[in-house]
All heavy atoms as atom14 arrays in JSON, in Angstrom:
{
  "sequence": "MKDNPLTTLLIMPQELGPTPDKANPYVRS",
  "atom14_mask": [
    [1, 1, 1, 1, 1, 1, 1, 1, 0, 0, 0, 0, 0, 0],
    [1, 1, 1, 1, 1, 1, 1, 1, 1, 0, 0, 0, 0, 0],
    [1, 1, 1, 1, 1, 1, 1, 1, 0, 0, 0, 0, 0, 0],
    [1, 1, 1, 1, 1, 1, 1, 1, 0, 0, 0, 0, 0, 0],
    [1, 1, 1, 1, 1, 1, 1, 0, 0, 0, 0, 0, 0, 0],
    [1, 1, 1, 1, 1, 1, 1, 1, 0, 0, 0, 0, 0, 0],
    [1, 1, 1, 1, 1, 1, 1, 0, 0, 0, 0, 0, 0, 0],
    [1, 1, 1, 1, 1, 1, 1, 0, 0, 0, 0, 0, 0, 0],
    [1, 1, 1, 1, 1, 1, 1, 1, 0, 0, 0, 0, 0, 0],
    [1, 1, 1, 1, 1, 1, 1, 1, 0, 0, 0, 0, 0, 0],
    [1, 1, 1, 1, 1, 1, 1, 1, 0, 0, 0, 0, 0, 0],
    [1, 1, 1, 1, 1, 1, 1, 1, 0, 0, 0, 0, 0, 0],
    [1, 1, 1, 1, 1, 1, 1, 0, 0, 0, 0, 0, 0, 0],
    [1, 1, 1, 1, 1, 1, 1, 1, 1, 0, 0, 0, 0, 0],
    [1, 1, 1, 1, 1, 1, 1, 1, 1, 0, 0, 0, 0, 0],
    [1, 1, 1, 1, 1, 1, 1, 1, 0, 0, 0, 0, 0, 0],
    [1, 1, 1, 1, 0, 0, 0, 0, 0, 0, 0, 0, 0, 0],
    [1, 1, 1, 1, 1, 1, 1, 0, 0, 0, 0, 0, 0, 0],
    [1, 1, 1, 1, 1, 1, 1, 0, 0, 0, 0, 0, 0, 0],
    [1, 1, 1, 1, 1, 1, 1, 0, 0, 0, 0, 0, 0, 0],
    [1, 1, 1, 1, 1, 1, 1, 1, 0, 0, 0, 0, 0, 0],
    [1, 1, 1, 1, 1, 1, 1, 1, 1, 0, 0, 0, 0, 0],
    [1, 1, 1, 1, 1, 0, 0, 0, 0, 0, 0, 0, 0, 0],
    [1, 1, 1, 1, 1, 1, 1, 1, 0, 0, 0, 0, 0, 0],
    [1, 1, 1, 1, 1, 1, 1, 0, 0, 0, 0, 0, 0, 0],
    [1, 1, 1, 1, 1, 1, 1, 1, 1, 1, 1, 1, 0, 0],
    [1, 1, 1, 1, 1, 1, 1, 0, 0, 0, 0, 0, 0, 0],
    [1, 1, 1, 1, 1, 1, 1, 1, 1, 1, 1, 0, 0, 0],
    [1, 1, 1, 1, 1, 1, 0, 0, 0, 0, 0, 0, 0, 0]
  ],
  "atom14_positions": [
    [[79.92, 98.4, 107.4], [79.97, 97.42, 106.4], [81.42, 97.13, 106.01], [81.92, 96.03, 105.87], [79.17, 97.84, 105.16], [79.27, 97.01, 103.95], [80.69, 97.43, 102.9], [80.31, 99.07, 102.39], [0.0, 0.0, 0.0], [0.0, 0.0, 0.0], [0.0, 0.0, 0.0], [0.0, 0.0, 0.0], [0.0, 0.0, 0.0], [0.0, 0.0, 0.0]],
    [[82.12, 98.23, 105.81], [83.59, 98.17, 105.4], [84.42, 97.34, 106.38], [85.37, 96.62, 106.04], [84.07, 99.57, 105.23], [85.63, 99.67, 105.04], [86.05, 101.13, 104.99], [87.55, 101.34, 105.09], [88.11, 100.96, 106.41], [0.0, 0.0, 0.0], [0.0, 0.0, 0.0], [0.0, 0.0, 0.0], [0.0, 0.0, 0.0], [0.0, 0.0, 0.0]],
    [[84.11, 97.57, 107.72], [84.96, 96.96, 108.78], [84.53, 95.61, 109.12], [85.2, 94.9, 109.97], [84.93, 97.88, 109.99], [85.54, 99.23, 109.81], [86.41, 99.32, 108.89], [85.19, 100.2, 110.46], [0.0, 0.0, 0.0], [0.0, 0.0, 0.0], [0.0, 0.0, 0.0], [0.0, 0.0, 0.0], [0.0, 0.0, 0.0], [0.0, 0.0, 0.0]],
    [[83.44, 95.08, 108.53], [83.07, 93.69, 108.84], [84.05, 92.77, 108.28], [84.55, 92.9, 107.19], [81.67, 93.46, 108.13], [81.11, 92.14, 108.59], [81.58, 91.02, 108.27], [79.92, 92.2, 109.29], [0.0, 0.0, 0.0], [0.0, 0.0, 0.0], [0.0, 0.0, 0.0], [0.0, 0.0, 0.0], [0.0, 0.0, 0.0], [0.0, 0.0, 0.0]],
    [[84.48, 91.68, 109.05], [85.49, 90.81, 108.58], [85.14, 90.06, 107.25], [86.01, 89.46, 106.66], [85.67, 89.82, 109.76], [84.47, 90.03, 110.64], [84.03, 91.44, 110.4], [0.0, 0.0, 0.0], [0.0, 0.0, 0.0], [0.0, 0.0, 0.0], [0.0, 0.0, 0.0], [0.0, 0.0, 0.0], [0.0, 0.0, 0.0], [0.0, 0.0, 0.0]],
    [[83.81, 89.93, 106.96], [83.41, 89.28, 105.7], [83.53, 90.17, 104.48], [83.4, 89.71, 103.37], [81.98, 88.77, 105.83], [81.67, 87.65, 106.79], [80.2, 87.37, 106.86], [82.42, 86.39, 106.3], [0.0, 0.0, 0.0], [0.0, 0.0, 0.0], [0.0, 0.0, 0.0], [0.0, 0.0, 0.0], [0.0, 0.0, 0.0], [0.0, 0.0, 0.0]],
    [[83.9, 91.46, 104.67], [83.9, 92.46, 103.63], [85.35, 92.71, 103.1], [86.25, 92.79, 103.85], [83.3, 93.79, 104.06], [81.99, 93.58, 104.45], [83.39, 94.81, 102.96], [0.0, 0.0, 0.0], [0.0, 0.0, 0.0], [0.0, 0.0, 0.0], [0.0, 0.0, 0.0], [0.0, 0.0, 0.0], [0.0, 0.0, 0.0], [0.0, 0.0, 0.0]],
    [[85.43, 92.67, 101.77], [86.65, 93.18, 101.14], [86.29, 94.45, 100.26], [85.37, 94.34, 99.43], [87.25, 92.14, 100.22], [87.57, 90.93, 100.93], [88.52, 92.6, 99.52], [0.0, 0.0, 0.0], [0.0, 0.0, 0.0], [0.0, 0.0, 0.0], [0.0, 0.0, 0.0], [0.0, 0.0, 0.0], [0.0, 0.0, 0.0], [0.0, 0.0, 0.0]],
    [[86.87, 95.51, 100.6], [86.67, 96.77, 99.91], [87.76, 97.0, 98.86], [88.93, 96.97, 99.19], [86.65, 97.96, 100.88], [86.37, 99.31, 100.17], [84.99, 99.36, 99.64], [86.6, 100.45, 101.21], [0.0, 0.0, 0.0], [0.0, 0.0, 0.0], [0.0, 0.0, 0.0], [0.0, 0.0, 0.0], [0.0, 0.0, 0.0], [0.0, 0.0, 0.0]],
    [[87.29, 97.2, 97.59], [88.25, 97.44, 96.47], [87.98, 98.77, 95.86], [86.81, 99.14, 95.63], [88.1, 96.35, 95.48], [88.29, 94.89, 95.9], [87.71, 93.85, 95.0], [89.79, 94.62, 96.09], [0.0, 0.0, 0.0], [0.0, 0.0, 0.0], [0.0, 0.0, 0.0], [0.0, 0.0, 0.0], [0.0, 0.0, 0.0], [0.0, 0.0, 0.0]],
    [[88.96, 99.55, 95.67], [88.88, 100.94, 95.26], [89.4, 101.08, 93.8], [90.58, 100.79, 93.59], [89.61, 101.92, 96.19], [88.98, 101.77, 97.63], [89.55, 103.38, 95.68], [89.78, 102.45, 98.66], [0.0, 0.0, 0.0], [0.0, 0.0, 0.0], [0.0, 0.0, 0.0], [0.0, 0.0, 0.0], [0.0, 0.0, 0.0], [0.0, 0.0, 0.0]],
    [[88.58, 101.42, 92.86], [88.91, 101.38, 91.47], [90.23, 102.04, 91.05], [91.01, 101.41, 90.32], [87.69, 101.87, 90.61], [87.85, 101.54, 89.14], [86.28, 101.84, 88.2], [86.19, 103.62, 88.3], [0.0, 0.0, 0.0], [0.0, 0.0, 0.0], [0.0, 0.0, 0.0], [0.0, 0.0, 0.0], [0.0, 0.0, 0.0], [0.0, 0.0, 0.0]],
    [[90.48, 103.24, 91.48], [91.69, 103.88, 91.05], [92.94, 103.15, 91.51], [93.98, 103.18, 90.84], [91.64, 105.31, 91.74], [90.22, 105.55, 91.96], [89.64, 104.25, 92.26], [0.0, 0.0, 0.0], [0.0, 0.0, 0.0], [0.0, 0.0, 0.0], [0.0, 0.0, 0.0], [0.0, 0.0, 0.0], [0.0, 0.0, 0.0], [0.0, 0.0, 0.0]],
    [[92.81, 102.45, 92.7], [93.95, 101.7, 93.25], [94.16, 100.39, 92.49], [95.21, 99.87, 92.3], [93.79, 101.43, 94.72], [93.76, 102.73, 95.56], [93.59, 102.41, 97.08], [93.71, 101.23, 97.48], [93.35, 103.36, 97.85], [0.0, 0.0, 0.0], [0.0, 0.0, 0.0], [0.0, 0.0, 0.0], [0.0, 0.0, 0.0], [0.0, 0.0, 0.0]],
    [[92.99, 99.79, 92.08], [93.05, 98.51, 91.49], [93.29, 98.61, 89.97], [93.98, 97.7, 89.43], [91.7, 97.75, 91.69], [91.41, 97.54, 93.16], [92.46, 96.56, 93.92], [92.94, 95.67, 93.24], [92.71, 96.85, 95.1], [0.0, 0.0, 0.0], [0.0, 0.0, 0.0], [0.0, 0.0, 0.0], [0.0, 0.0, 0.0], [0.0, 0.0, 0.0]],
    [[92.67, 99.57, 89.25], [92.76, 99.6, 87.84], [93.56, 100.83, 87.3], [93.8, 100.96, 86.17], [91.34, 99.73, 87.24], [90.35, 98.59, 87.62], [89.02, 98.81, 86.83], [90.93, 97.22, 87.29], [0.0, 0.0, 0.0], [0.0, 0.0, 0.0], [0.0, 0.0, 0.0], [0.0, 0.0, 0.0], [0.0, 0.0, 0.0], [0.0, 0.0, 0.0]],
    [[93.91, 101.76, 88.22], [94.59, 102.92, 87.74], [93.58, 104.06, 87.54], [92.36, 103.83, 87.61], [0.0, 0.0, 0.0], [0.0, 0.0, 0.0], [0.0, 0.0, 0.0], [0.0, 0.0, 0.0], [0.0, 0.0, 0.0], [0.0, 0.0, 0.0], [0.0, 0.0, 0.0], [0.0, 0.0, 0.0], [0.0, 0.0, 0.0], [0.0, 0.0, 0.0]],
    [[94.04, 105.2, 87.2], [93.06, 106.35, 86.98], [92.18, 106.09, 85.79], [92.51, 105.37, 84.84], [94.09, 107.53, 86.61], [95.37, 107.14, 87.09], [95.47, 105.62, 87.07], [0.0, 0.0, 0.0], [0.0, 0.0, 0.0], [0.0, 0.0, 0.0], [0.0, 0.0, 0.0], [0.0, 0.0, 0.0], [0.0, 0.0, 0.0], [0.0, 0.0, 0.0]],
    [[90.93, 106.61, 85.9], [89.97, 106.42, 84.84], [90.48, 107.17, 83.68], [90.81, 108.38, 83.74], [88.63, 106.95, 85.28], [88.15, 106.17, 86.37], [87.64, 106.83, 84.14], [0.0, 0.0, 0.0], [0.0, 0.0, 0.0], [0.0, 0.0, 0.0], [0.0, 0.0, 0.0], [0.0, 0.0, 0.0], [0.0, 0.0, 0.0], [0.0, 0.0, 0.0]],
    [[90.59, 106.58, 82.44], [91.03, 107.34, 81.25], [90.1, 108.53, 80.99], [88.95, 108.54, 81.39], [90.86, 106.24, 80.11], [90.93, 104.95, 80.82], [90.32, 105.14, 82.15], [0.0, 0.0, 0.0], [0.0, 0.0, 0.0], [0.0, 0.0, 0.0], [0.0, 0.0, 0.0], [0.0, 0.0, 0.0], [0.0, 0.0, 0.0], [0.0, 0.0, 0.0]],
    [[90.68, 109.56, 80.35], [90.09, 110.85, 80.21], [88.69, 110.81, 79.6], [87.82, 111.45, 80.07], [90.91, 111.79, 79.32], [92.22, 112.19, 80.09], [92.22, 112.07, 81.36], [93.16, 112.58, 79.41], [0.0, 0.0, 0.0], [0.0, 0.0, 0.0], [0.0, 0.0, 0.0], [0.0, 0.0, 0.0], [0.0, 0.0, 0.0], [0.0, 0.0, 0.0]],
    [[88.48, 109.94, 78.57], [87.21, 109.94, 77.88], [86.29, 108.86, 78.38], [85.22, 108.62, 77.88], [87.41, 109.73, 76.38], [88.18, 110.9, 75.74], [88.3, 110.7, 74.22], [88.96, 111.87, 73.61], [89.06, 111.74, 72.13], [0.0, 0.0, 0.0], [0.0, 0.0, 0.0], [0.0, 0.0, 0.0], [0.0, 0.0, 0.0], [0.0, 0.0, 0.0]],
    [[86.71, 108.11, 79.5], [85.84, 107.03, 79.98], [85.02, 107.59, 81.22], [85.43, 108.46, 81.96], [86.7, 105.89, 80.52], [0.0, 0.0, 0.0], [0.0, 0.0, 0.0], [0.0, 0.0, 0.0], [0.0, 0.0, 0.0], [0.0, 0.0, 0.0], [0.0, 0.0, 0.0], [0.0, 0.0, 0.0], [0.0, 0.0, 0.0], [0.0, 0.0, 0.0]],
    [[83.79, 107.05, 81.35], [82.96, 107.41, 82.49], [83.23, 106.5, 83.62], [83.18, 105.26, 83.52], [81.46, 107.3, 82.03], [80.52, 107.64, 83.14], [80.32, 106.93, 84.09], [79.92, 108.86, 83.07], [0.0, 0.0, 0.0], [0.0, 0.0, 0.0], [0.0, 0.0, 0.0], [0.0, 0.0, 0.0], [0.0, 0.0, 0.0], [0.0, 0.0, 0.0]],
    [[83.55, 107.02, 84.79], [83.92, 106.18, 85.91], [82.77, 105.23, 86.4], [83.09, 104.13, 86.88], [84.29, 107.17, 87.04], [83.69, 108.48, 86.61], [83.56, 108.44, 85.18], [0.0, 0.0, 0.0], [0.0, 0.0, 0.0], [0.0, 0.0, 0.0], [0.0, 0.0, 0.0], [0.0, 0.0, 0.0], [0.0, 0.0, 0.0], [0.0, 0.0, 0.0]],
    [[81.55, 105.59, 86.21], [80.48, 104.8, 86.6], [80.21, 103.63, 85.65], [79.93, 102.46, 86.09], [79.14, 105.59, 86.81], [79.25, 106.69, 87.8], [79.42, 108.02, 87.53], [79.26, 106.31, 89.2], [79.57, 108.96, 88.47], [79.41, 107.32, 90.18], [79.54, 108.62, 89.89], [79.61, 109.59, 90.83], [0.0, 0.0, 0.0], [0.0, 0.0, 0.0]],
    [[80.34, 103.93, 84.37], [80.24, 102.79, 83.42], [81.46, 101.87, 83.64], [81.3, 100.63, 83.63], [80.33, 103.33, 81.92], [80.51, 102.31, 80.91], [79.09, 104.2, 81.68], [0.0, 0.0, 0.0], [0.0, 0.0, 0.0], [0.0, 0.0, 0.0], [0.0, 0.0, 0.0], [0.0, 0.0, 0.0], [0.0, 0.0, 0.0], [0.0, 0.0, 0.0]],
    [[82.61, 102.43, 83.84], [83.81, 101.6, 84.07], [83.58, 100.74, 85.32], [84.0, 99.55, 85.33], [84.99, 102.47, 84.24], [86.36, 101.81, 84.36], [87.44, 102.77, 84.75], [88.81, 102.21, 84.53], [89.86, 102.62, 85.17], [89.77, 103.47, 86.18], [91.04, 102.09, 84.98], [0.0, 0.0, 0.0], [0.0, 0.0, 0.0], [0.0, 0.0, 0.0]],
    [[83.05, 101.3, 86.4], [82.79, 100.52, 87.61], [81.87, 99.46, 87.39], [81.98, 98.33, 87.86], [82.35, 101.5, 88.7], [82.18, 100.82, 89.92], [0.0, 0.0, 0.0], [0.0, 0.0, 0.0], [0.0, 0.0, 0.0], [0.0, 0.0, 0.0], [0.0, 0.0, 0.0], [0.0, 0.0, 0.0], [0.0, 0.0, 0.0], [0.0, 0.0, 0.0]]
  ]
}
């Protein structure tokens, strides 16, 4: 899926920075 030319993969820590200490990464995502 990742390597399909129609796919763009975005990784949250790279796009938004580290998840704040008191935030839940799944809620944030």
